[in-house]
């Protein structure tokens, strides 16, 4: 598995070879893509959770913003804790409903 540029929420790969614009959203879940959570400089261990010291502080890390230092990070996708269980439960409920 290699590092990819992907949505922070669902893991859908972002294929264009550029950073997303402020109005771009994920094709799968509809979340904003130009957000701190997708940025190369996002780091929960530093002040304002950003390693770029010249950037203005952003309060809502999951909402699109106008940061001029944004650079979409390449990372390995790992689902958040509990997400796979929820997905598996939804799939099994759907199979029961459809009789599979």
PDB file of N, CA and C in Angstrom:
ATOM      1  N   UNK A   1       0.842  -1.174   0.000  1.00  0.00           N
ATOM      2  CA  UNK A   1       0.000   0.000   0.000  1.00  0.00           C
ATOM      3  C   UNK A   1       0.889   1.241   0.000  1.00  0.00           C
ATOM      4  N   UNK A   2       0.599   2.170  -0.878  1.00  0.00           N
ATOM      5  CA  UNK A   2       1.423   3.368  -0.951  1.00  0.00           C
ATOM      6  C   UNK A   2       0.633   4.592  -0.469  1.00  0.00           C
ATOM      7  N   UNK A   3       1.376   5.640  -0.197  1.00  0.00           N
ATOM      8  CA  UNK A   3       0.761   6.885   0.254  1.00  0.00           C
ATOM      9  C   UNK A   3       0.008   7.535  -0.907  1.00  0.00           C
ATOM     10  N   UNK A   4      -1.184   8.021  -0.622  1.00  0.00           N
ATOM     11  CA  UNK A   4      -2.001   8.683  -1.636  1.00  0.00           C
ATOM     12  C   UNK A   4      -2.548   9.984  -1.074  1.00  0.00           C
ATOM     13  N   UNK A   5      -3.042  10.817  -1.962  1.00  0.00           N
ATOM     14  CA  UNK A   5      -3.767  12.018  -1.557  1.00  0.00           C
ATOM     15  C   UNK A   5      -5.231  11.617  -1.538  1.00  0.00           C
ATOM     16  N   UNK A   6      -5.860  11.722  -0.371  1.00  0.00           N
ATOM     17  CA  UNK A   6      -7.225  11.229  -0.218  1.00  0.00           C
ATOM     18  C   UNK A   6      -8.027  12.090   0.753  1.00  0.00           C
ATOM     19  N   UNK A   7      -9.334  11.878   0.706  1.00  0.00           N
ATOM     20  CA  UNK A   7     -10.261  12.552   1.609  1.00  0.00           C
ATOM     21  C   UNK A   7      -9.975  12.116   3.045  1.00  0.00           C
ATOM     22  N   UNK A   8      -9.901  13.072   3.958  1.00  0.00           N
ATOM     23  CA  UNK A   8      -9.637  12.763   5.369  1.00  0.00           C
ATOM     24  C   UNK A   8     -10.773  11.977   5.998  1.00  0.00           C
ATOM     25  N   UNK A   9     -11.964  12.078   5.450  1.00  0.00           N
ATOM     26  CA  UNK A   9     -13.136  11.455   6.065  1.00  0.00           C
ATOM     27  C   UNK A   9     -13.374  10.018   5.594  1.00  0.00           C
ATOM     28  N   UNK A  10     -13.418   9.811   4.278  1.00  0.00           N
ATOM     29  CA  UNK A  10     -13.774   8.483   3.766  1.00  0.00           C
ATOM     30  C   UNK A  10     -12.629   7.746   3.073  1.00  0.00           C
ATOM     31  N   UNK A  11     -11.543   8.453   2.763  1.00  0.00           N
ATOM     32  CA  UNK A  11     -10.396   7.797   2.144  1.00  0.00           C
ATOM     33  C   UNK A  11     -10.425   7.716   0.630  1.00  0.00           C
ATOM     34  N   UNK A  12     -11.412   8.337  -0.012  1.00  0.00           N
ATOM     35  CA  UNK A  12     -11.484   8.323  -1.467  1.00  0.00           C
ATOM     36  C   UNK A  12     -10.263   9.055  -2.027  1.00  0.00           C
ATOM     37  N   UNK A  13      -9.571   8.410  -2.941  1.00  0.00           N
ATOM     38  CA  UNK A  13      -8.350   8.986  -3.498  1.00  0.00           C
ATOM     39  C   UNK A  13      -8.655  10.224  -4.345  1.00  0.00           C
ATOM     40  N   UNK A  14      -7.818  11.251  -4.180  1.00  0.00           N
ATOM     41  CA  UNK A  14      -7.922  12.478  -4.967  1.00  0.00           C
ATOM     42  C   UNK A  14      -6.908  12.365  -6.095  1.00  0.00           C
ATOM     43  N   UNK A  15      -7.392  12.205  -7.328  1.00  0.00           N
ATOM     44  CA  UNK A  15      -6.520  11.893  -8.451  1.00  0.00           C
ATOM     45  C   UNK A  15      -5.876  13.082  -9.172  1.00  0.00           C
ATOM     46  N   UNK A  16      -6.510  14.246  -9.294  1.00  0.00           N
ATOM     47  CA  UNK A  16      -5.847  15.341 -10.015  1.00  0.00           C
ATOM     48  C   UNK A  16      -4.468  15.649  -9.429  1.00  0.00           C
ATOM     49  N   UNK A  17      -3.536  15.991 -10.290  1.00  0.00           N
ATOM     50  CA  UNK A  17      -2.170  16.254  -9.858  1.00  0.00           C
ATOM     51  C   UNK A  17      -1.999  17.717  -9.451  1.00  0.00           C
ATOM     52  N   UNK A  18      -2.854  18.179  -8.567  1.00  0.00           N
ATOM     53  CA  UNK A  18      -2.825  19.544  -8.051  1.00  0.00           C
ATOM     54  C   UNK A  18      -3.573  19.559  -6.721  1.00  0.00           C
ATOM     55  N   UNK A  19      -3.433  20.640  -6.008  1.00  0.00           N
ATOM     56  CA  UNK A  19      -4.194  20.776  -4.766  1.00  0.00           C
ATOM     57  C   UNK A  19      -5.625  21.174  -5.095  1.00  0.00           C
ATOM     58  N   UNK A  20      -6.587  20.719  -4.313  1.00  0.00           N
ATOM     59  CA  UNK A  20      -7.983  21.062  -4.579  1.00  0.00           C
ATOM     60  C   UNK A  20      -8.277  22.535  -4.296  1.00  0.00           C
ATOM     61  N   UNK A  21      -9.263  23.058  -4.985  1.00  0.00           N
ATOM     62  CA  UNK A  21      -9.715  24.418  -4.747  1.00  0.00           C
ATOM     63  C   UNK A  21     -10.647  24.469  -3.546  1.00  0.00           C
ATOM     64  N   UNK A  22     -10.955  25.667  -3.082  1.00  0.00           N
ATOM     65  CA  UNK A  22     -11.789  25.824  -1.895  1.00  0.00           C
ATOM     66  C   UNK A  22     -13.179  25.227  -2.070  1.00  0.00           C
ATOM     67  N   UNK A  23     -13.700  25.224  -3.284  1.00  0.00           N
ATOM     68  CA  UNK A  23     -15.062  24.736  -3.495  1.00  0.00           C
ATOM     69  C   UNK A  23     -15.122  23.251  -3.866  1.00  0.00           C
ATOM     70  N   UNK A  24     -13.982  22.578  -3.965  1.00  0.00           N
ATOM     71  CA  UNK A  24     -13.997  21.158  -4.336  1.00  0.00           C
ATOM     72  C   UNK A  24     -14.389  20.285  -3.154  1.00  0.00           C
ATOM     73  N   UNK A  25     -15.212  19.292  -3.458  1.00  0.00           N
ATOM     74  CA  UNK A  25     -15.647  18.350  -2.428  1.00  0.00           C
ATOM     75  C   UNK A  25     -15.319  16.928  -2.866  1.00  0.00           C
ATOM     76  N   UNK A  26     -15.343  16.027  -1.925  1.00  0.00           N
ATOM     77  CA  UNK A  26     -15.076  14.616  -2.190  1.00  0.00           C
ATOM     78  C   UNK A  26     -16.213  14.033  -3.031  1.00  0.00           C
ATOM     79  N   UNK A  27     -15.858  13.283  -4.047  1.00  0.00           N
ATOM     80  CA  UNK A  27     -16.874  12.693  -4.928  1.00  0.00           C
ATOM     81  C   UNK A  27     -17.679  11.608  -4.222  1.00  0.00           C
ATOM     82  N   UNK A  28     -17.147  11.036  -3.147  1.00  0.00           N
ATOM     83  CA  UNK A  28     -17.815   9.947  -2.440  1.00  0.00           C
ATOM     84  C   UNK A  28     -18.697  10.451  -1.295  1.00  0.00           C
ATOM     85  N   UNK A  29     -18.122  11.251  -0.392  1.00  0.00           N
ATOM     86  CA  UNK A  29     -18.868  11.645   0.810  1.00  0.00           C
ATOM     87  C   UNK A  29     -19.320  13.110   0.812  1.00  0.00           C
ATOM     88  N   UNK A  30     -18.815  13.917  -0.135  1.00  0.00           N
ATOM     89  CA  UNK A  30     -19.242  15.306  -0.231  1.00  0.00           C
ATOM     90  C   UNK A  30     -18.553  16.263   0.717  1.00  0.00           C
ATOM     91  N   UNK A  31     -17.566  15.804   1.464  1.00  0.00           N
ATOM     92  CA  UNK A  31     -16.845  16.684   2.397  1.00  0.00           C
ATOM     93  C   UNK A  31     -15.893  17.605   1.631  1.00  0.00           C
ATOM     94  N   UNK A  32     -15.612  18.774   2.211  1.00  0.00           N
ATOM     95  CA  UNK A  32     -14.651  19.702   1.623  1.00  0.00           C
ATOM     96  C   UNK A  32     -13.271  19.046   1.579  1.00  0.00           C
ATOM     97  N   UNK A  33     -12.492  19.355   0.541  1.00  0.00           N
ATOM     98  CA  UNK A  33     -11.155  18.784   0.414  1.00  0.00           C
ATOM     99  C   UNK A  33     -10.049  19.747   0.830  1.00  0.00           C
ATOM    100  N   UNK A  34     -10.255  21.050   0.637  1.00  0.00           N
ATOM    101  CA  UNK A  34      -9.233  22.015   1.038  1.00  0.00           C
ATOM    102  C   UNK A  34      -9.454  22.380   2.500  1.00  0.00           C
ATOM    103  N   UNK A  35      -9.095  21.445   3.358  1.00  0.00           N
ATOM    104  CA  UNK A  35      -9.268  21.602   4.797  1.00  0.00           C
ATOM    105  C   UNK A  35      -7.959  21.262   5.504  1.00  0.00           C
ATOM    106  N   UNK A  36      -7.809  21.758   6.701  1.00  0.00           N
ATOM    107  CA  UNK A  36      -6.589  21.505   7.465  1.00  0.00           C
ATOM    108  C   UNK A  36      -6.313  20.006   7.636  1.00  0.00           C
ATOM    109  N   UNK A  37      -7.355  19.220   7.814  1.00  0.00           N
ATOM    110  CA  UNK A  37      -7.174  17.784   8.034  1.00  0.00           C
ATOM    111  C   UNK A  37      -6.548  17.082   6.840  1.00  0.00           C
ATOM    112  N   UNK A  38      -6.580  17.681   5.654  1.00  0.00           N
ATOM    113  CA  UNK A  38      -5.947  17.112   4.460  1.00  0.00           C
ATOM    114  C   UNK A  38      -4.599  17.747   4.151  1.00  0.00           C
ATOM    115  N   UNK A  39      -4.162  18.694   4.953  1.00  0.00           N
ATOM    116  CA  UNK A  39      -2.971  19.484   4.640  1.00  0.00           C
ATOM    117  C   UNK A  39      -1.686  18.816   5.127  1.00  0.00           C
ATOM    118  N   UNK A  40      -0.639  19.017   4.354  1.00  0.00           N
ATOM    119  CA  UNK A  40       0.691  18.522   4.681  1.00  0.00           C
ATOM    120  C   UNK A  40       1.193  19.093   6.003  1.00  0.00           C
ATOM    121  N   UNK A  41       0.790  20.312   6.335  1.00  0.00           N
ATOM    122  CA  UNK A  41       1.280  20.991   7.533  1.00  0.00           C
ATOM    123  C   UNK A  41       0.441  20.726   8.780  1.00  0.00           C
ATOM    124  N   UNK A  42      -0.645  19.988   8.660  1.00  0.00           N
ATOM    125  CA  UNK A  42      -1.506  19.704   9.815  1.00  0.00           C
ATOM    126  C   UNK A  42      -0.758  18.794  10.787  1.00  0.00           C
ATOM    127  N   UNK A  43      -0.702  19.206  12.043  1.00  0.00           N
ATOM    128  CA  UNK A  43       0.013  18.443  13.066  1.00  0.00           C
ATOM    129  C   UNK A  43      -0.619  18.759  14.413  1.00  0.00           C
ATOM    130  N   UNK A  44      -1.187  17.772  15.056  1.00  0.00           N
ATOM    131  CA  UNK A  44      -1.895  17.998  16.319  1.00  0.00           C
ATOM    132  C   UNK A  44      -0.970  18.326  17.482  1.00  0.00           C
ATOM    133  N   UNK A  45       0.338  18.173  17.306  1.00  0.00           N
ATOM    134  CA  UNK A  45       1.268  18.389  18.416  1.00  0.00           C
ATOM    135  C   UNK A  45       1.859  19.787  18.467  1.00  0.00           C
ATOM    136  N   UNK A  46       1.493  20.663  17.529  1.00  0.00           N
ATOM    137  CA  UNK A  46       2.049  22.019  17.518  1.00  0.00           C
ATOM    138  C   UNK A  46       0.943  23.058  17.714  1.00  0.00           C
ATOM    139  N   UNK A  47       1.358  24.301  17.943  1.00  0.00           N
ATOM    140  CA  UNK A  47       0.397  25.390  18.160  1.00  0.00           C
ATOM    141  C   UNK A  47      -0.534  25.551  16.974  1.00  0.00           C
ATOM    142  N   UNK A  48      -1.791  25.759  17.252  1.00  0.00           N
ATOM    143  CA  UNK A  48      -2.848  25.905  16.239  1.00  0.00           C
ATOM    144  C   UNK A  48      -2.930  24.708  15.288  1.00  0.00           C
ATOM    145  N   UNK A  49      -2.282  23.625  15.633  1.00  0.00           N
ATOM    146  CA  UNK A  49      -2.270  22.376  14.866  1.00  0.00           C
ATOM    147  C   UNK A  49      -1.764  22.579  13.437  1.00  0.00           C
ATOM    148  N   UNK A  50      -0.795  23.475  13.266  1.00  0.00           N
ATOM    149  CA  UNK A  50      -0.233  23.763  11.934  1.00  0.00           C
ATOM    150  C   UNK A  50       1.265  24.009  12.061  1.00  0.00           C
ATOM    151  N   UNK A  51       2.054  23.301  11.253  1.00  0.00           N
ATOM    152  CA  UNK A  51       3.510  23.481  11.263  1.00  0.00           C
ATOM    153  C   UNK A  51       3.958  24.690  10.444  1.00  0.00           C
ATOM    154  N   UNK A  52       3.083  25.269   9.649  1.00  0.00           N
ATOM    155  CA  UNK A  52       3.418  26.461   8.864  1.00  0.00           C
ATOM    156  C   UNK A  52       3.157  27.679   9.742  1.00  0.00           C
ATOM    157  N   UNK A  53       4.218  28.291  10.249  1.00  0.00           N
ATOM    158  CA  UNK A  53       4.083  29.388  11.209  1.00  0.00           C
ATOM    159  C   UNK A  53       3.496  30.659  10.617  1.00  0.00           C
ATOM    160  N   UNK A  54       3.577  30.835   9.312  1.00  0.00           N
ATOM    161  CA  UNK A  54       3.057  32.056   8.687  1.00  0.00           C
ATOM    162  C   UNK A  54       1.551  31.992   8.437  1.00  0.00           C
ATOM    163  N   UNK A  55       0.959  30.811   8.531  1.00  0.00           N
ATOM    164  CA  UNK A  55      -0.476  30.642   8.255  1.00  0.00           C
ATOM    165  C   UNK A  55      -1.327  31.234   9.377  1.00  0.00           C
ATOM    166  N   UNK A  56      -2.447  31.811   8.991  1.00  0.00           N
ATOM    167  CA  UNK A  56      -3.394  32.319   9.976  1.00  0.00           C
ATOM    168  C   UNK A  56      -4.067  31.133  10.668  1.00  0.00           C
ATOM    169  N   UNK A  57      -4.349  31.254  11.971  1.00  0.00           N
ATOM    170  CA  UNK A  57      -5.030  30.164  12.684  1.00  0.00           C
ATOM    171  C   UNK A  57      -6.415  29.889  12.095  1.00  0.00           C
ATOM    172  N   UNK A  58      -6.771  28.626  12.007  1.00  0.00           N
ATOM    173  CA  UNK A  58      -8.077  28.200  11.507  1.00  0.00           C
ATOM    174  C   UNK A  58      -8.771  27.438  12.633  1.00  0.00           C
ATOM    175  N   UNK A  59      -9.963  27.878  12.984  1.00  0.00           N
ATOM    176  CA  UNK A  59     -10.692  27.250  14.084  1.00  0.00           C
ATOM    177  C   UNK A  59     -11.298  25.904  13.691  1.00  0.00           C
ATOM    178  N   UNK A  60     -11.986  25.860  12.566  1.00  0.00           N
ATOM    179  CA  UNK A  60     -12.670  24.635  12.150  1.00  0.00           C
ATOM    180  C   UNK A  60     -11.809  23.902  11.124  1.00  0.00           C
ATOM    181  N   UNK A  61     -11.128  22.874  11.573  1.00  0.00           N
ATOM    182  CA  UNK A  61     -10.154  22.154  10.746  1.00  0.00           C
ATOM    183  C   UNK A  61     -10.800  21.305   9.649  1.00  0.00           C
ATOM    184  N   UNK A  62     -12.089  21.027   9.760  1.00  0.00           N
ATOM    185  CA  UNK A  62     -12.771  20.159   8.788  1.00  0.00           C
ATOM    186  C   UNK A  62     -13.555  20.947   7.727  1.00  0.00           C
ATOM    187  N   UNK A  63     -13.488  22.285   7.775  1.00  0.00           N
ATOM    188  CA  UNK A  63     -14.236  23.137   6.851  1.00  0.00           C
ATOM    189  C   UNK A  63     -13.258  23.808   5.883  1.00  0.00           C
ATOM    190  N   UNK A  64     -13.674  23.957   4.619  1.00  0.00           N
ATOM    191  CA  UNK A  64     -12.824  24.600   3.612  1.00  0.00           C
ATOM    192  C   UNK A  64     -12.420  25.998   4.070  1.00  0.00           C
ATOM    193  N   UNK A  65     -11.171  26.372   3.754  1.00  0.00           N
ATOM    194  CA  UNK A  65     -10.679  27.678   4.165  1.00  0.00           C
ATOM    195  C   UNK A  65      -9.840  28.313   3.049  1.00  0.00           C
ATOM    196  N   UNK A  66      -9.351  29.504   3.311  1.00  0.00           N
ATOM    197  CA  UNK A  66      -8.602  30.263   2.307  1.00  0.00           C
ATOM    198  C   UNK A  66      -7.089  30.227   2.545  1.00  0.00           C
ATOM    199  N   UNK A  67      -6.580  29.286   3.278  1.00  0.00           N
ATOM    200  CA  UNK A  67      -5.154  29.245   3.602  1.00  0.00           C
ATOM    201  C   UNK A  67      -4.310  29.164   2.329  1.00  0.00           C
ATOM    202  N   UNK A  68      -3.377  30.082   2.201  1.00  0.00           N
ATOM    203  CA  UNK A  68      -2.540  30.107   1.002  1.00  0.00           C
ATOM    204  C   UNK A  68      -1.367  29.137   1.083  1.00  0.00           C
ATOM    205  N   UNK A  69      -1.162  28.506   2.225  1.00  0.00           N
ATOM    206  CA  UNK A  69      -0.062  27.560   2.393  1.00  0.00           C
ATOM    207  C   UNK A  69      -0.528  26.108   2.261  1.00  0.00           C
ATOM    208  N   UNK A  70      -1.797  25.899   1.969  1.00  0.00           N
ATOM    209  CA  UNK A  70      -2.349  24.546   1.867  1.00  0.00           C
ATOM    210  C   UNK A  70      -1.623  23.735   0.791  1.00  0.00           C
ATOM    211  N   UNK A  71      -1.249  22.529   1.158  1.00  0.00           N
ATOM    212  CA  UNK A  71      -0.654  21.569   0.228  1.00  0.00           C
ATOM    213  C   UNK A  71      -1.202  20.199   0.633  1.00  0.00           C
ATOM    214  N   UNK A  72      -1.922  19.551  -0.258  1.00  0.00           N
ATOM    215  CA  UNK A  72      -2.566  18.285   0.083  1.00  0.00           C
ATOM    216  C   UNK A  72      -1.515  17.214   0.379  1.00  0.00           C
ATOM    217  N   UNK A  73      -1.662  16.593   1.519  1.00  0.00           N
ATOM    218  CA  UNK A  73      -0.698  15.608   1.993  1.00  0.00           C
ATOM    219  C   UNK A  73      -0.900  14.247   1.339  1.00  0.00           C
ATOM    220  N   UNK A  74       0.197  13.510   1.181  1.00  0.00           N
ATOM    221  CA  UNK A  74       0.139  12.111   0.749  1.00  0.00           C
ATOM    222  C   UNK A  74       0.348  11.268   1.998  1.00  0.00           C
ATOM    223  N   UNK A  75      -0.648  10.441   2.286  1.00  0.00           N
ATOM    224  CA  UNK A  75      -0.597   9.601   3.488  1.00  0.00           C
ATOM    225  C   UNK A  75      -1.169   8.228   3.191  1.00  0.00           C
ATOM    226  N   UNK A  76      -0.958   7.314   4.100  1.00  0.00           N
ATOM    227  CA  UNK A  76      -1.616   6.015   4.022  1.00  0.00           C
ATOM    228  C   UNK A  76      -2.995   6.171   4.630  1.00  0.00           C
ATOM    229  N   UNK A  77      -4.020   5.626   3.988  1.00  0.00           N
ATOM    230  CA  UNK A  77      -5.379   5.720   4.517  1.00  0.00           C
ATOM    231  C   UNK A  77      -5.578   4.649   5.569  1.00  0.00           C
ATOM    232  N   UNK A  78      -5.997   5.067   6.743  1.00  0.00           N
ATOM    233  CA  UNK A  78      -6.383   4.140   7.802  1.00  0.00           C
ATOM    234  C   UNK A  78      -7.732   4.602   8.330  1.00  0.00           C
ATOM    235  N   UNK A  79      -8.751   3.738   8.281  1.00  0.00           N
ATOM    236  CA  UNK A  79     -10.076   4.133   8.781  1.00  0.00           C
ATOM    237  C   UNK A  79     -10.018   4.490  10.265  1.00  0.00           C
ATOM    238  N   UNK A  80     -10.859   5.412  10.673  1.00  0.00           N
ATOM    239  CA  UNK A  80     -10.930   5.792  12.074  1.00  0.00           C
ATOM    240  C   UNK A  80     -11.447   4.613  12.888  1.00  0.00           C
ATOM    241  N   UNK A  81     -11.083   4.585  14.147  1.00  0.00           N
ATOM    242  CA  UNK A  81     -11.510   3.507  15.029  1.00  0.00           C
ATOM    243  C   UNK A  81     -13.024   3.389  15.043  1.00  0.00           C
ATOM    244  N   UNK A  82     -13.534   2.192  14.872  1.00  0.00           N
ATOM    245  CA  UNK A  82     -14.965   1.945  14.905  1.00  0.00           C
ATOM    246  C   UNK A  82     -15.655   2.089  13.566  1.00  0.00           C
ATOM    247  N   UNK A  83     -14.992   2.658  12.573  1.00  0.00           N
ATOM    248  CA  UNK A  83     -15.638   2.872  11.275  1.00  0.00           C
ATOM    249  C   UNK A  83     -15.869   1.551  10.541  1.00  0.00           C
ATOM    250  N   UNK A  84     -14.929   0.627  10.625  1.00  0.00           N
ATOM    251  CA  UNK A  84     -15.105  -0.628   9.907  1.00  0.00           C
ATOM    252  C   UNK A  84     -16.239  -1.441  10.515  1.00  0.00           C
ATOM    253  N   UNK A  85     -16.402  -1.394  11.826  1.00  0.00           N
ATOM    254  CA  UNK A  85     -17.492  -2.115  12.475  1.00  0.00           C
ATOM    255  C   UNK A  85     -18.838  -1.564  12.017  1.00  0.00           C
ATOM    256  N   UNK A  86     -18.938  -0.258  11.946  1.00  0.00           N
ATOM    257  CA  UNK A  86     -20.182   0.379  11.518  1.00  0.00           C
ATOM    258  C   UNK A  86     -20.495   0.008  10.064  1.00  0.00           C
ATOM    259  N   UNK A  87     -19.474   0.033   9.223  1.00  0.00           N
ATOM    260  CA  UNK A  87     -19.649  -0.316   7.818  1.00  0.00           C
ATOM    261  C   UNK A  87     -20.065  -1.782   7.670  1.00  0.00           C
ATOM    262  N   UNK A  88     -19.430  -2.660   8.417  1.00  0.00           N
ATOM    263  CA  UNK A  88     -19.776  -4.081   8.358  1.00  0.00           C
ATOM    264  C   UNK A  88     -21.212  -4.320   8.829  1.00  0.00           C
ATOM    265  N   UNK A  89     -21.631  -3.603   9.873  1.00  0.00           N
ATOM    266  CA  UNK A  89     -22.992  -3.751  10.375  1.00  0.00           C
ATOM    267  C   UNK A  89     -24.007  -3.275   9.334  1.00  0.00           C
ATOM    268  N   UNK A  90     -23.688  -2.181   8.665  1.00  0.00           N
ATOM    269  CA  UNK A  90     -24.588  -1.668   7.623  1.00  0.00           C
ATOM    270  C   UNK A  90     -24.683  -2.647   6.452  1.00  0.00           C
ATOM    271  N   UNK A  91     -23.569  -3.227   6.067  1.00  0.00           N
ATOM    272  CA  UNK A  91     -23.579  -4.199   4.970  1.00  0.00           C
ATOM    273  C   UNK A  91     -24.383  -5.448   5.326  1.00  0.00           C
ATOM    274  N   UNK A  92     -24.212  -5.933   6.543  1.00  0.00           N
ATOM    275  CA  UNK A  92     -24.956  -7.136   6.928  1.00  0.00           C
ATOM    276  C   UNK A  92     -26.452  -6.847   7.032  1.00  0.00           C
ATOM    277  N   UNK A  93     -26.824  -5.643   7.493  1.00  0.00           N
ATOM    278  CA  UNK A  93     -28.238  -5.267   7.544  1.00  0.00           C
ATOM    279  C   UNK A  93     -28.819  -5.183   6.137  1.00  0.00           C
ATOM    280  N   UNK A  94     -28.053  -4.675   5.202  1.00  0.00           N
ATOM    281  CA  UNK A  94     -28.502  -4.584   3.826  1.00  0.00           C
ATOM    282  C   UNK A  94     -28.658  -5.974   3.203  1.00  0.00           C
ATOM    283  N   UNK A  95     -27.737  -6.860   3.507  1.00  0.00           N
ATOM    284  CA  UNK A  95     -27.848  -8.232   2.991  1.00  0.00           C
ATOM    285  C   UNK A  95     -29.081  -8.935   3.537  1.00  0.00           C
ATOM    286  N   UNK A  96     -29.377  -8.702   4.811  1.00  0.00           N
ATOM    287  CA  UNK A  96     -30.585  -9.290   5.412  1.00  0.00           C
ATOM    288  C   UNK A  96     -31.826  -8.742   4.731  1.00  0.00           C
ATOM    289  N   UNK A  97     -31.833  -7.445   4.488  1.00  0.00           N
ATOM    290  CA  UNK A  97     -32.963  -6.801   3.864  1.00  0.00           C
ATOM    291  C   UNK A  97     -33.217  -7.325   2.447  1.00  0.00           C
ATOM    292  N   UNK A  98     -32.131  -7.555   1.713  1.00  0.00           N
ATOM    293  CA  UNK A  98     -32.245  -8.029   0.336  1.00  0.00           C
ATOM    294  C   UNK A  98     -32.334  -9.554   0.227  1.00  0.00           C
ATOM    295  N   UNK A  99     -32.145 -10.220   1.356  1.00  0.00           N
ATOM    296  CA  UNK A  99     -32.258 -11.680   1.353  1.00  0.00           C
ATOM    297  C   UNK A  99     -31.039 -12.397   0.824  1.00  0.00           C
ATOM    298  N   UNK A 100     -29.891 -11.791   0.895  1.00  0.00           N
ATOM    299  CA  UNK A 100     -28.642 -12.436   0.429  1.00  0.00           C
ATOM    300  C   UNK A 100     -27.976 -13.204   1.541  1.00  0.00           C
TER     301      UNK A 100
END
